[in-house]
Amino acid sequence: MLLGGCVGDDEAGEPRASPSPAISATPAPSPSATPMEPGDQPDGGEGETDAIATVPLGVGCDTLVSAQALYDFNPSVGTDPAFDPASATLAPIALDMRGTACGFLNQTSGERISVAAARVETGSVAALAAQVAARGGALGDGRAFRTGGSTSTLEVLVGEIWIVVEGPAIFGAEDLAPLADAARAGAGG
C-alpha cells in the first residue's frame, strides 16, 4: 500500500528542547501558527513559557494510524497524497517537536482530517499539559476538544505522547476519538 500524506521524523536521535507553541484558545486553520521562543510572552503577555524537551517519535503514518484502524474509522477514508501540514493548526507544531503528521481524505465527501503526534521528555509533560489546558475544551483524562471556525480539534496527552486530530467542524469529540485512540496505540502511548 502506497502511503502519501505523511510527514515526520522517522529517525531516532537525542532529545532536544523545542520552543513552546503559541496558539490562540480558539484555533482556526492557519499556516501561521508558530512556536514561541523561550521567554516570549504568550497571547496575554503574562508569564514565560517553558521550553519543551522533545524526543523523536520515530513512527510513520502507516504505524501511527494503521490501515485497519483507518478502515474501521470509515472505509471511505484513505491517505491524502496532497496533505500539507501547514493547512492544519497543530500539525506543524507536532512536526517541529520531531513528531509525525498524517493527512487523510474521505474519498466520498472530500473531508480532510489530520492526525499528528509527538513525544516529549517526562520533565516536559506538565508544561505541555498546561499548553493543552490553555487552549481550552478540557474533557478530562488528558483530553481536550474544541470547535472553532470550520475546524474541530481533539488533543490527547497520554504519558509523554501528545496526539492531535483535526477535522471539519461537523465532527464531535466522539467522532475523532477512534483516530486518536489508534494514534495513541501506534505511537506507543
Protein backbone atom coordinates (compact mmCIF):
# COMPACT_ATOMS: atom_id res chain seq x y z
CA MET A 1 0.00 0.00 0.00
CA LEU A 2 1.45 3.38 -1.00
CA LEU A 3 1.06 5.87 1.80
CA GLY A 4 1.17 9.50 0.86
CA GLY A 5 0.14 12.23 3.22
CA CYS A 6 2.72 11.53 5.91
CA VAL A 7 5.32 13.88 7.20
CA GLY A 8 7.59 13.17 10.12
CA ASP A 9 10.95 12.39 11.56
CA ASP A 10 11.38 8.62 11.49
CA GLU A 11 14.94 8.81 12.75
CA ALA A 12 15.79 8.29 16.39
CA GLY A 13 18.10 10.81 17.96
CA GLU A 14 18.99 12.72 21.05
CA PRO A 15 16.27 14.68 22.87
CA ARG A 16 16.25 18.38 22.19
CA ALA A 17 14.46 21.40 23.54
CA SER A 18 11.75 22.65 21.24
CA PRO A 19 10.08 26.03 21.61
CA SER A 20 6.61 26.05 23.10
CA PRO A 21 3.80 26.80 20.66
CA ALA A 22 1.72 29.94 20.92
CA ILE A 23 -1.78 29.21 19.71
CA SER A 24 -4.97 31.05 20.46
CA ALA A 25 -7.62 29.33 22.55
CA THR A 26 -9.87 29.12 19.50
CA PRO A 27 -7.82 27.53 16.74
CA ALA A 28 -8.52 28.18 13.11
CA PRO A 29 -6.71 26.55 10.23
CA SER A 30 -3.67 28.69 9.70
CA PRO A 31 -0.22 28.04 8.39
CA SER A 32 0.96 30.94 10.55
CA ALA A 33 0.89 29.03 13.85
CA THR A 34 4.46 29.49 15.01
CA PRO A 35 6.33 28.26 18.04
CA MET A 36 7.27 30.81 20.66
CA GLU A 37 10.87 31.35 21.62
CA PRO A 38 11.66 30.75 25.29
CA GLY A 39 10.94 33.97 27.17
CA ASP A 40 8.34 35.25 24.67
CA GLN A 41 5.06 36.28 26.19
CA PRO A 42 2.01 34.11 25.43
CA ASP A 43 -1.13 35.72 23.97
CA GLY A 44 -2.00 37.66 27.13
CA GLY A 45 1.57 38.88 27.64
CA GLU A 46 1.73 37.40 31.13
CA GLY A 47 4.45 34.95 32.26
CA GLU A 48 7.07 32.97 30.45
CA THR A 49 6.54 29.77 28.52
CA ASP A 50 8.77 26.84 29.45
CA ALA A 51 10.78 25.13 26.73
CA ILE A 52 9.55 21.65 25.94
CA ALA A 53 12.17 18.95 25.53
CA THR A 54 11.20 16.59 22.74
CA VAL A 55 12.18 13.07 21.78
CA PRO A 56 11.86 11.87 18.16
CA LEU A 57 8.65 9.91 17.73
CA GLY A 58 10.16 7.60 15.09
CA VAL A 59 6.78 6.41 13.81
CA GLY A 60 5.49 6.74 10.25
CA CYS A 61 1.88 7.31 9.26
CA ASP A 62 1.25 3.65 8.42
CA THR A 63 2.12 2.81 12.04
CA LEU A 64 0.57 5.87 13.67
CA VAL A 65 -2.82 5.07 12.16
CA SER A 66 -2.84 1.55 10.74
CA ALA A 67 -4.74 0.70 7.58
CA GLN A 68 -7.13 -1.39 9.69
CA ALA A 69 -7.76 1.46 12.15
CA LEU A 70 -8.41 3.81 9.24
CA TYR A 71 -10.82 1.32 7.64
CA ASP A 72 -12.57 0.81 10.98
CA PHE A 73 -12.96 4.59 11.29
CA ASN A 74 -14.51 4.89 7.83
CA PRO A 75 -13.95 2.61 4.81
CA SER A 76 -14.13 5.69 2.52
CA VAL A 77 -11.14 7.37 4.21
CA GLY A 78 -7.63 6.91 2.87
CA THR A 79 -4.36 8.77 2.88
CA ASP A 80 -4.34 12.25 1.40
CA PRO A 81 -1.50 12.50 -1.14
CA ALA A 82 -1.94 16.29 -1.24
CA PHE A 83 -1.67 16.67 2.56
CA ASP A 84 0.01 19.91 3.63
CA PRO A 85 0.71 20.03 7.37
CA ALA A 86 0.55 23.83 7.23
CA SER A 87 -3.17 23.53 6.44
CA ALA A 88 -3.74 22.25 9.98
CA THR A 89 -3.34 24.29 13.15
CA LEU A 90 -1.33 21.97 15.39
CA ALA A 91 0.26 19.50 12.94
CA PRO A 92 3.16 21.89 12.15
CA ILE A 93 3.91 22.13 15.86
CA ALA A 94 3.99 18.34 16.19
CA LEU A 95 6.48 18.27 13.30
CA ASP A 96 8.58 20.97 14.98
CA MET A 97 8.62 18.66 18.00
CA ARG A 98 10.11 15.89 15.79
CA GLY A 99 6.81 14.06 15.57
CA THR A 100 4.67 12.84 12.70
CA ALA A 101 1.75 14.45 10.86
CA CYS A 102 -0.55 12.47 8.59
CA GLY A 103 -3.32 13.58 6.28
CA PHE A 104 -6.41 11.60 5.43
CA LEU A 105 -9.13 12.22 2.86
CA ASN A 106 -12.69 10.97 2.71
CA GLN A 107 -12.90 9.82 -0.90
CA THR A 108 -16.67 10.30 -0.93
CA SER A 109 -17.20 13.64 0.81
CA GLY A 110 -13.80 15.28 0.29
CA GLU A 111 -13.43 15.97 4.02
CA ARG A 112 -9.82 16.19 5.20
CA ILE A 113 -8.56 15.02 8.60
CA SER A 114 -5.08 15.33 10.04
CA VAL A 115 -3.58 13.20 12.79
CA ALA A 116 -0.34 14.30 14.39
CA ALA A 117 1.69 13.00 17.31
CA ALA A 118 4.85 13.95 19.17
CA ARG A 119 6.77 12.71 22.19
CA VAL A 120 8.24 14.84 24.96
CA GLU A 121 10.62 14.09 27.79
CA THR A 122 8.97 13.20 31.10
CA GLY A 123 10.06 16.51 32.60
CA SER A 124 8.16 18.42 29.89
CA VAL A 125 4.78 16.69 30.31
CA ALA A 126 3.47 19.28 32.79
CA ALA A 127 4.41 22.20 30.50
CA LEU A 128 2.72 20.53 27.54
CA ALA A 129 -0.37 19.72 29.64
CA ALA A 130 -0.56 23.39 30.63
CA GLN A 131 -0.46 24.42 26.95
CA VAL A 132 -3.23 21.95 26.09
CA ALA A 133 -5.31 23.26 29.02
CA ALA A 134 -4.69 26.88 27.98
CA ARG A 135 -6.18 26.17 24.55
CA GLY A 136 -9.40 25.12 26.30
CA GLY A 137 -12.03 22.45 25.92
CA ALA A 138 -10.86 20.11 28.69
CA LEU A 139 -12.75 16.82 28.71
CA GLY A 140 -10.69 15.23 31.48
CA ASP A 141 -8.48 12.17 31.28
CA GLY A 142 -5.84 14.09 29.30
CA ARG A 143 -8.27 15.00 26.51
CA ALA A 144 -9.43 18.37 25.22
CA PHE A 145 -11.88 19.15 22.42
CA ARG A 146 -12.67 22.42 20.70
CA THR A 147 -14.56 23.59 17.65
CA GLY A 148 -13.55 26.92 16.19
CA GLY A 149 -14.44 28.26 12.81
CA SER A 150 -14.57 25.33 10.41
CA THR A 151 -12.33 23.01 12.46
CA SER A 152 -12.83 20.51 15.28
CA THR A 153 -9.71 19.62 17.28
CA LEU A 154 -9.21 16.73 19.69
CA GLU A 155 -6.00 16.74 21.72
CA VAL A 156 -4.92 13.76 23.80
CA LEU A 157 -1.98 13.70 26.20
CA VAL A 158 -1.09 10.21 27.40
CA GLY A 159 2.16 9.99 29.33
CA GLU A 160 4.81 11.58 27.11
CA ILE A 161 2.73 11.23 23.91
CA TRP A 162 0.75 14.19 22.53
CA ILE A 163 -1.84 13.43 19.84
CA VAL A 164 -3.86 15.90 17.81
CA VAL A 165 -6.73 15.04 15.47
CA GLU A 166 -8.13 17.92 13.41
CA GLY A 167 -11.12 17.67 11.11
CA PRO A 168 -14.13 19.58 9.85
CA ALA A 169 -16.35 21.24 12.48
CA ILE A 170 -19.07 18.67 11.83
CA PHE A 171 -17.06 16.18 13.91
CA GLY A 172 -17.53 15.87 17.66
CA ALA A 173 -15.03 14.53 20.16
CA GLU A 174 -16.58 11.06 20.00
CA ASP A 175 -16.23 11.08 16.19
CA LEU A 176 -12.49 11.84 16.29
CA ALA A 177 -11.72 9.62 19.30
CA PRO A 178 -11.16 6.40 17.28
CA LEU A 179 -8.37 8.08 15.31
CA ALA A 180 -6.82 9.49 18.49
CA ASP A 181 -7.00 6.07 20.14
CA ALA A 182 -5.41 4.42 17.09
CA ALA A 183 -2.64 7.03 17.08
CA ARG A 184 -2.06 6.54 20.80
CA ALA A 185 -1.60 2.81 20.25
CA GLY A 186 0.54 3.36 17.15
CA ALA A 187 2.79 5.85 18.95
CA GLY A 188 3.28 3.52 21.90
CA GLY A 189 1.21 5.54 24.36
